Amino acid sequence: MAKIPLAFTKEARRRVFGRRLGRPMGESRQAAIDDVLPRLTVPADRVTEDGTLDPSSLFANPSRETVFEIGFGNGEHL
């Protein structure tokens, strides 16, 4: 009988590498989300029907190249 690799066991699927629940958000951070986030959200009229977006349409002075960095907050879980 073949041994099942550890990565495919039920125990491995229950493992969490990070926090399951975060700390409650502070008032200032919640205020930033409520006030600032709506101003930073991509306008719906900039997204095409097929879900694509031209990044240069988001900036007043578009450049030839746009680089997106996807962060994970506080450098955790990189």
Foldseek 3Di string as FASTA:
>chain_A
DDDDDPCPDPVNVPDDDDDPDDDDDDPVVVVCCVPVVVVVDDDPVQADPVGDHDVQVVDPDRDPDDDDDDDDPPNPPD
